[in-house]
Amino acid sequence: MRGFFPILHIIAKVNVNTKYFFVGQVEGAFVQGIGFFTNEEYATNSDGLVIHDSTWTYKIPTVDTIPKQFNVELILQR
């Protein structure tokens, strides 16, 4: 990844149907999404599937990529 683009603040509100859904799952999914979204090139194979589909083949976000303020609110949906 070239350049630098700070993500300063994230607010995530997630509807959940169980109290066993963890804030860390939301944070981890978001950070992994940042890494995949900021990938410079989406190389595909002959079937059109993305080759960079794991943490071994794309640039993993670092502590500098993670927002300094990350608020997650779980909304229990019954």
PDB file of N, CA and C in Angstrom:
ATOM      1  N   MET A   1       0.838  -1.162   0.000  1.00  0.00           N
ATOM      2  CA  MET A   1       0.000   0.000   0.000  1.00  0.00           C
ATOM      3  C   MET A   1       0.887   1.230   0.000  1.00  0.00           C
ATOM      4  N   ARG A   2       0.597   2.144  -0.882  1.00  0.00           N
ATOM      5  CA  ARG A   2       1.364   3.394  -0.945  1.00  0.00           C
ATOM      6  C   ARG A   2       0.588   4.515  -0.284  1.00  0.00           C
ATOM      7  N   GLY A   3       1.303   5.510   0.187  1.00  0.00           N
ATOM      8  CA  GLY A   3       0.650   6.660   0.784  1.00  0.00           C
ATOM      9  C   GLY A   3       0.145   6.376   2.185  1.00  0.00           C
ATOM     10  N   PHE A   4      -0.553   7.344   2.724  1.00  0.00           N
ATOM     11  CA  PHE A   4      -1.076   7.224   4.073  1.00  0.00           C
ATOM     12  C   PHE A   4      -2.434   7.886   4.124  1.00  0.00           C
ATOM     13  N   PHE A   5      -3.398   7.232   4.685  1.00  0.00           N
ATOM     14  CA  PHE A   5      -4.729   7.796   4.840  1.00  0.00           C
ATOM     15  C   PHE A   5      -5.211   7.446   6.245  1.00  0.00           C
ATOM     16  N   PRO A   6      -5.209   8.385   7.135  1.00  0.00           N
ATOM     17  CA  PRO A   6      -5.609   8.073   8.505  1.00  0.00           C
ATOM     18  C   PRO A   6      -7.123   7.889   8.620  1.00  0.00           C
ATOM     19  N   ILE A   7      -7.522   6.874   9.348  1.00  0.00           N
ATOM     20  CA  ILE A   7      -8.919   6.701   9.732  1.00  0.00           C
ATOM     21  C   ILE A   7      -8.951   7.079  11.201  1.00  0.00           C
ATOM     22  N   LEU A   8      -9.524   8.213  11.500  1.00  0.00           N
ATOM     23  CA  LEU A   8      -9.409   8.783  12.831  1.00  0.00           C
ATOM     24  C   LEU A   8     -10.419   8.235  13.825  1.00  0.00           C
ATOM     25  N   HIS A   9     -11.643   7.970  13.354  1.00  0.00           N
ATOM     26  CA  HIS A   9     -12.702   7.637  14.294  1.00  0.00           C
ATOM     27  C   HIS A   9     -13.716   6.731  13.610  1.00  0.00           C
ATOM     28  N   ILE A  10     -14.104   5.675  14.292  1.00  0.00           N
ATOM     29  CA  ILE A  10     -15.105   4.743  13.786  1.00  0.00           C
ATOM     30  C   ILE A  10     -16.206   4.607  14.824  1.00  0.00           C
ATOM     31  N   ILE A  11     -17.440   4.630  14.361  1.00  0.00           N
ATOM     32  CA  ILE A  11     -18.587   4.314  15.203  1.00  0.00           C
ATOM     33  C   ILE A  11     -19.318   3.170  14.512  1.00  0.00           C
ATOM     34  N   ALA A  12     -19.392   2.028  15.173  1.00  0.00           N
ATOM     35  CA  ALA A  12     -20.074   0.863  14.598  1.00  0.00           C
ATOM     36  C   ALA A  12     -21.215   0.459  15.516  1.00  0.00           C
ATOM     37  N   LYS A  13     -22.424   0.388  14.963  1.00  0.00           N
ATOM     38  CA  LYS A  13     -23.589  -0.095  15.706  1.00  0.00           C
ATOM     39  C   LYS A  13     -24.062  -1.349  14.999  1.00  0.00           C
ATOM     40  N   VAL A  14     -24.148  -2.444  15.751  1.00  0.00           N
ATOM     41  CA  VAL A  14     -24.436  -3.740  15.153  1.00  0.00           C
ATOM     42  C   VAL A  14     -25.631  -4.375  15.852  1.00  0.00           C
ATOM     43  N   ASN A  15     -26.634  -4.764  15.048  1.00  0.00           N
ATOM     44  CA  ASN A  15     -27.766  -5.513  15.594  1.00  0.00           C
ATOM     45  C   ASN A  15     -27.343  -6.956  15.796  1.00  0.00           C
ATOM     46  N   VAL A  16     -27.564  -7.478  16.979  1.00  0.00           N
ATOM     47  CA  VAL A  16     -27.228  -8.872  17.271  1.00  0.00           C
ATOM     48  C   VAL A  16     -28.450  -9.540  17.893  1.00  0.00           C
ATOM     49  N   ASN A  17     -28.534 -10.852  17.762  1.00  0.00           N
ATOM     50  CA  ASN A  17     -29.661 -11.561  18.351  1.00  0.00           C
ATOM     51  C   ASN A  17     -29.240 -12.461  19.510  1.00  0.00           C
ATOM     52  N   THR A  18     -28.021 -12.306  19.955  1.00  0.00           N
ATOM     53  CA  THR A  18     -27.543 -13.068  21.102  1.00  0.00           C
ATOM     54  C   THR A  18     -26.564 -12.227  21.900  1.00  0.00           C
ATOM     55  N   LYS A  19     -26.582 -12.412  23.197  1.00  0.00           N
ATOM     56  CA  LYS A  19     -25.656 -11.643  24.043  1.00  0.00           C
ATOM     57  C   LYS A  19     -24.232 -12.164  23.953  1.00  0.00           C
ATOM     58  N   TYR A  20     -24.015 -13.241  23.215  1.00  0.00           N
ATOM     59  CA  TYR A  20     -22.690 -13.856  23.105  1.00  0.00           C
ATOM     60  C   TYR A  20     -21.899 -13.345  21.898  1.00  0.00           C
ATOM     61  N   PHE A  21     -22.331 -12.285  21.311  1.00  0.00           N
ATOM     62  CA  PHE A  21     -21.606 -11.667  20.205  1.00  0.00           C
ATOM     63  C   PHE A  21     -20.622 -10.680  20.820  1.00  0.00           C
ATOM     64  N   PHE A  22     -19.359 -10.764  20.446  1.00  0.00           N
ATOM     65  CA  PHE A  22     -18.333  -9.986  21.124  1.00  0.00           C
ATOM     66  C   PHE A  22     -17.901  -8.772  20.320  1.00  0.00           C
ATOM     67  N   VAL A  23     -17.600  -7.695  21.033  1.00  0.00           N
ATOM     68  CA  VAL A  23     -17.122  -6.456  20.420  1.00  0.00           C
ATOM     69  C   VAL A  23     -15.853  -6.726  19.607  1.00  0.00           C
ATOM     70  N   GLY A  24     -14.983  -7.592  20.097  1.00  0.00           N
ATOM     71  CA  GLY A  24     -13.742  -7.915  19.392  1.00  0.00           C
ATOM     72  C   GLY A  24     -13.974  -8.496  18.013  1.00  0.00           C
ATOM     73  N   GLN A  25     -15.090  -9.203  17.824  1.00  0.00           N
ATOM     74  CA  GLN A  25     -15.409  -9.745  16.503  1.00  0.00           C
ATOM     75  C   GLN A  25     -15.705  -8.615  15.520  1.00  0.00           C
ATOM     76  N   VAL A  26     -16.421  -7.600  15.972  1.00  0.00           N
ATOM     77  CA  VAL A  26     -16.732  -6.451  15.122  1.00  0.00           C
ATOM     78  C   VAL A  26     -15.459  -5.688  14.782  1.00  0.00           C
ATOM     79  N   GLU A  27     -14.628  -5.440  15.789  1.00  0.00           N
ATOM     80  CA  GLU A  27     -13.377  -4.714  15.562  1.00  0.00           C
ATOM     81  C   GLU A  27     -12.462  -5.473  14.603  1.00  0.00           C
ATOM     82  N   GLY A  28     -12.308  -6.767  14.819  1.00  0.00           N
ATOM     83  CA  GLY A  28     -11.437  -7.578  13.966  1.00  0.00           C
ATOM     84  C   GLY A  28     -11.915  -7.624  12.531  1.00  0.00           C
ATOM     85  N   ALA A  29     -13.216  -7.784  12.346  1.00  0.00           N
ATOM     86  CA  ALA A  29     -13.769  -7.826  10.990  1.00  0.00           C
ATOM     87  C   ALA A  29     -13.569  -6.494  10.273  1.00  0.00           C
ATOM     88  N   PHE A  30     -13.742  -5.399  10.994  1.00  0.00           N
ATOM     89  CA  PHE A  30     -13.571  -4.076  10.390  1.00  0.00           C
ATOM     90  C   PHE A  30     -12.116  -3.849   9.974  1.00  0.00           C
ATOM     91  N   VAL A  31     -11.193  -4.172  10.853  1.00  0.00           N
ATOM     92  CA  VAL A  31      -9.770  -3.963  10.552  1.00  0.00           C
ATOM     93  C   VAL A  31      -9.333  -4.857   9.388  1.00  0.00           C
ATOM     94  N   GLN A  32      -9.799  -6.094   9.363  1.00  0.00           N
ATOM     95  CA  GLN A  32      -9.468  -6.972   8.242  1.00  0.00           C
ATOM     96  C   GLN A  32     -10.055  -6.415   6.944  1.00  0.00           C
ATOM     97  N   GLY A  33     -11.245  -5.852   7.023  1.00  0.00           N
ATOM     98  CA  GLY A  33     -11.853  -5.224   5.855  1.00  0.00           C
ATOM     99  C   GLY A  33     -11.047  -4.034   5.354  1.00  0.00           C
ATOM    100  N   ILE A  34     -10.479  -3.250   6.273  1.00  0.00           N
ATOM    101  CA  ILE A  34      -9.609  -2.137   5.885  1.00  0.00           C
ATOM    102  C   ILE A  34      -8.437  -2.672   5.063  1.00  0.00           C
ATOM    103  N   GLY A  35      -7.820  -3.734   5.539  1.00  0.00           N
ATOM    104  CA  GLY A  35      -6.676  -4.317   4.831  1.00  0.00           C
ATOM    105  C   GLY A  35      -7.043  -4.796   3.441  1.00  0.00           C
ATOM    106  N   PHE A  36      -8.204  -5.426   3.312  1.00  0.00           N
ATOM    107  CA  PHE A  36      -8.614  -5.935   2.008  1.00  0.00           C
ATOM    108  C   PHE A  36      -9.034  -4.784   1.087  1.00  0.00           C
ATOM    109  N   PHE A  37      -9.762  -3.809   1.631  1.00  0.00           N
ATOM    110  CA  PHE A  37     -10.253  -2.691   0.835  1.00  0.00           C
ATOM    111  C   PHE A  37      -9.117  -1.822   0.303  1.00  0.00           C
ATOM    112  N   THR A  38      -8.051  -1.678   1.062  1.00  0.00           N
ATOM    113  CA  THR A  38      -6.946  -0.811   0.646  1.00  0.00           C
ATOM    114  C   THR A  38      -5.907  -1.544  -0.194  1.00  0.00           C
ATOM    115  N   ASN A  39      -6.186  -2.759  -0.547  1.00  0.00           N
ATOM    116  CA  ASN A  39      -5.292  -3.507  -1.426  1.00  0.00           C
ATOM    117  C   ASN A  39      -5.191  -2.771  -2.761  1.00  0.00           C
ATOM    118  N   GLU A  40      -4.000  -2.564  -3.255  1.00  0.00           N
ATOM    119  CA  GLU A  40      -3.812  -1.771  -4.471  1.00  0.00           C
ATOM    120  C   GLU A  40      -4.286  -2.473  -5.727  1.00  0.00           C
ATOM    121  N   GLU A  41      -4.201  -3.776  -5.751  1.00  0.00           N
ATOM    122  CA  GLU A  41      -4.535  -4.503  -6.968  1.00  0.00           C
ATOM    123  C   GLU A  41      -5.287  -5.769  -6.594  1.00  0.00           C
ATOM    124  N   TYR A  42      -6.394  -6.013  -7.269  1.00  0.00           N
ATOM    125  CA  TYR A  42      -7.166  -7.228  -7.040  1.00  0.00           C
ATOM    126  C   TYR A  42      -6.856  -8.211  -8.159  1.00  0.00           C
ATOM    127  N   ALA A  43      -5.819  -8.997  -7.958  1.00  0.00           N
ATOM    128  CA  ALA A  43      -5.433  -9.993  -8.949  1.00  0.00           C
ATOM    129  C   ALA A  43      -6.416 -11.157  -8.893  1.00  0.00           C
ATOM    130  N   THR A  44      -6.794 -11.660 -10.056  1.00  0.00           N
ATOM    131  CA  THR A  44      -7.723 -12.779 -10.118  1.00  0.00           C
ATOM    132  C   THR A  44      -7.111 -13.936 -10.896  1.00  0.00           C
ATOM    133  N   ASN A  45      -7.632 -15.124 -10.640  1.00  0.00           N
ATOM    134  CA  ASN A  45      -7.169 -16.293 -11.385  1.00  0.00           C
ATOM    135  C   ASN A  45      -8.031 -16.464 -12.639  1.00  0.00           C
ATOM    136  N   SER A  46      -7.846 -17.535 -13.353  1.00  0.00           N
ATOM    137  CA  SER A  46      -8.562 -17.743 -14.616  1.00  0.00           C
ATOM    138  C   SER A  46     -10.072 -17.909 -14.420  1.00  0.00           C
ATOM    139  N   ASP A  47     -10.495 -18.252 -13.195  1.00  0.00           N
ATOM    140  CA  ASP A  47     -11.931 -18.377 -12.906  1.00  0.00           C
ATOM    141  C   ASP A  47     -12.544 -17.066 -12.427  1.00  0.00           C
ATOM    142  N   GLY A  48     -11.729 -16.021 -12.327  1.00  0.00           N
ATOM    143  CA  GLY A  48     -12.220 -14.727 -11.875  1.00  0.00           C
ATOM    144  C   GLY A  48     -12.254 -14.564 -10.370  1.00  0.00           C
ATOM    145  N   LEU A  49     -11.689 -15.511  -9.638  1.00  0.00           N
ATOM    146  CA  LEU A  49     -11.655 -15.422  -8.183  1.00  0.00           C
ATOM    147  C   LEU A  49     -10.447 -14.613  -7.723  1.00  0.00           C
ATOM    148  N   VAL A  50     -10.649 -13.802  -6.696  1.00  0.00           N
ATOM    149  CA  VAL A  50      -9.567 -12.968  -6.165  1.00  0.00           C
ATOM    150  C   VAL A  50      -8.487 -13.860  -5.568  1.00  0.00           C
ATOM    151  N   ILE A  51      -7.241 -13.615  -5.949  1.00  0.00           N
ATOM    152  CA  ILE A  51      -6.112 -14.401  -5.460  1.00  0.00           C
ATOM    153  C   ILE A  51      -5.720 -13.961  -4.054  1.00  0.00           C
ATOM    154  N   HIS A  52      -5.790 -12.664  -3.792  1.00  0.00           N
ATOM    155  CA  HIS A  52      -5.415 -12.122  -2.479  1.00  0.00           C
ATOM    156  C   HIS A  52      -6.578 -12.314  -1.512  1.00  0.00           C
ATOM    157  N   ASP A  53      -6.801 -13.524  -1.079  1.00  0.00           N
ATOM    158  CA  ASP A  53      -7.964 -13.805  -0.249  1.00  0.00           C
ATOM    159  C   ASP A  53      -7.614 -14.274   1.158  1.00  0.00           C
ATOM    160  N   SER A  54      -6.391 -14.058   1.577  1.00  0.00           N
ATOM    161  CA  SER A  54      -6.004 -14.444   2.937  1.00  0.00           C
ATOM    162  C   SER A  54      -4.934 -13.490   3.448  1.00  0.00           C
ATOM    163  N   THR A  55      -4.630 -13.603   4.720  1.00  0.00           N
ATOM    164  CA  THR A  55      -3.633 -12.708   5.315  1.00  0.00           C
ATOM    165  C   THR A  55      -2.226 -12.985   4.815  1.00  0.00           C
ATOM    166  N   TRP A  56      -2.027 -14.087   4.099  1.00  0.00           N
ATOM    167  CA  TRP A  56      -0.705 -14.389   3.550  1.00  0.00           C
ATOM    168  C   TRP A  56      -0.467 -13.677   2.222  1.00  0.00           C
ATOM    169  N   THR A  57      -1.527 -13.202   1.584  1.00  0.00           N
ATOM    170  CA  THR A  57      -1.365 -12.650   0.241  1.00  0.00           C
ATOM    171  C   THR A  57      -1.793 -11.190   0.115  1.00  0.00           C
ATOM    172  N   TYR A  58      -2.105 -10.528   1.207  1.00  0.00           N
ATOM    173  CA  TYR A  58      -2.359  -9.094   1.134  1.00  0.00           C
ATOM    174  C   TYR A  58      -1.738  -8.411   2.338  1.00  0.00           C
ATOM    175  N   LYS A  59      -1.547  -7.100   2.239  1.00  0.00           N
ATOM    176  CA  LYS A  59      -0.890  -6.343   3.306  1.00  0.00           C
ATOM    177  C   LYS A  59      -1.805  -6.257   4.522  1.00  0.00           C
ATOM    178  N   ILE A  60      -1.323  -6.771   5.626  1.00  0.00           N
ATOM    179  CA  ILE A  60      -2.101  -6.787   6.857  1.00  0.00           C
ATOM    180  C   ILE A  60      -2.077  -5.392   7.487  1.00  0.00           C
ATOM    181  N   PRO A  61      -3.208  -4.904   7.966  1.00  0.00           N
ATOM    182  CA  PRO A  61      -3.215  -3.614   8.651  1.00  0.00           C
ATOM    183  C   PRO A  61      -2.309  -3.643   9.881  1.00  0.00           C
ATOM    184  N   THR A  62      -1.678  -2.520  10.145  1.00  0.00           N
ATOM    185  CA  THR A  62      -0.806  -2.401  11.306  1.00  0.00           C
ATOM    186  C   THR A  62      -1.457  -1.493  12.343  1.00  0.00           C
ATOM    187  N   VAL A  63      -0.789  -1.280  13.446  1.00  0.00           N
ATOM    188  CA  VAL A  63      -1.329  -0.426  14.498  1.00  0.00           C
ATOM    189  C   VAL A  63      -1.557   0.997  13.978  1.00  0.00           C
ATOM    190  N   ASP A  64      -0.801   1.414  12.979  1.00  0.00           N
ATOM    191  CA  ASP A  64      -0.994   2.743  12.388  1.00  0.00           C
ATOM    192  C   ASP A  64      -2.255   2.828  11.541  1.00  0.00           C
ATOM    193  N   THR A  65      -2.780   1.695  11.112  1.00  0.00           N
ATOM    194  CA  THR A  65      -3.969   1.656  10.265  1.00  0.00           C
ATOM    195  C   THR A  65      -5.252   1.679  11.093  1.00  0.00           C
ATOM    196  N   ILE A  66      -5.190   1.157  12.293  1.00  0.00           N
ATOM    197  CA  ILE A  66      -6.372   1.032  13.138  1.00  0.00           C
ATOM    198  C   ILE A  66      -6.760   2.413  13.676  1.00  0.00           C
ATOM    199  N   PRO A  67      -8.057   2.747  13.628  1.00  0.00           N
ATOM    200  CA  PRO A  67      -8.485   4.047  14.144  1.00  0.00           C
ATOM    201  C   PRO A  67      -8.116   4.224  15.609  1.00  0.00           C
ATOM    202  N   LYS A  68      -7.731   5.438  15.960  1.00  0.00           N
ATOM    203  CA  LYS A  68      -7.354   5.730  17.347  1.00  0.00           C
ATOM    204  C   LYS A  68      -8.571   5.664  18.264  1.00  0.00           C
ATOM    205  N   GLN A  69      -9.731   6.027  17.735  1.00  0.00           N
ATOM    206  CA  GLN A  69     -10.970   5.959  18.504  1.00  0.00           C
ATOM    207  C   GLN A  69     -11.912   5.006  17.778  1.00  0.00           C
ATOM    208  N   PHE A  70     -12.262   3.906  18.424  1.00  0.00           N
ATOM    209  CA  PHE A  70     -13.051   2.844  17.806  1.00  0.00           C
ATOM    210  C   PHE A  70     -14.193   2.503  18.754  1.00  0.00           C
ATOM    211  N   ASN A  71     -15.380   3.008  18.473  1.00  0.00           N
ATOM    212  CA  ASN A  71     -16.535   2.781  19.336  1.00  0.00           C
ATOM    213  C   ASN A  71     -17.446   1.735  18.702  1.00  0.00           C
ATOM    214  N   VAL A  72     -17.761   0.687  19.453  1.00  0.00           N
ATOM    215  CA  VAL A  72     -18.668  -0.360  18.993  1.00  0.00           C
ATOM    216  C   VAL A  72     -19.811  -0.463  19.987  1.00  0.00           C
ATOM    217  N   GLU A  73     -21.039  -0.448  19.465  1.00  0.00           N
ATOM    218  CA  GLU A  73     -22.217  -0.626  20.298  1.00  0.00           C
ATOM    219  C   GLU A  73     -23.002  -1.813  19.747  1.00  0.00           C
ATOM    220  N   LEU A  74     -23.266  -2.779  20.617  1.00  0.00           N
ATOM    221  CA  LEU A  74     -24.064  -3.933  20.236  1.00  0.00           C
ATOM    222  C   LEU A  74     -25.498  -3.688  20.660  1.00  0.00           C
ATOM    223  N   ILE A  75     -26.428  -3.810  19.721  1.00  0.00           N
ATOM    224  CA  ILE A  75     -27.839  -3.587  19.984  1.00  0.00           C
ATOM    225  C   ILE A  75     -28.521  -4.947  19.983  1.00  0.00           C
ATOM    226  N   LEU A  76     -28.999  -5.384  21.148  1.00  0.00           N
ATOM    227  CA  LEU A  76     -29.621  -6.700  21.279  1.00  0.00           C
ATOM    228  C   LEU A  76     -31.007  -6.682  20.653  1.00  0.00           C
ATOM    229  N   GLN A  77     -31.189  -7.450  19.601  1.00  0.00           N
ATOM    230  CA  GLN A  77     -32.438  -7.546  18.859  1.00  0.00           C
ATOM    231  C   GLN A  77     -33.162  -8.811  19.315  1.00  0.00           C
ATOM    232  N   ARG A  78     -34.343  -8.690  19.826  1.00  0.00           N
ATOM    233  CA  ARG A  78     -35.073  -9.884  20.287  1.00  0.00           C
ATOM    234  C   ARG A  78     -36.270 -10.157  19.442  1.00  0.00           C
TER     235      ARG A  78
END
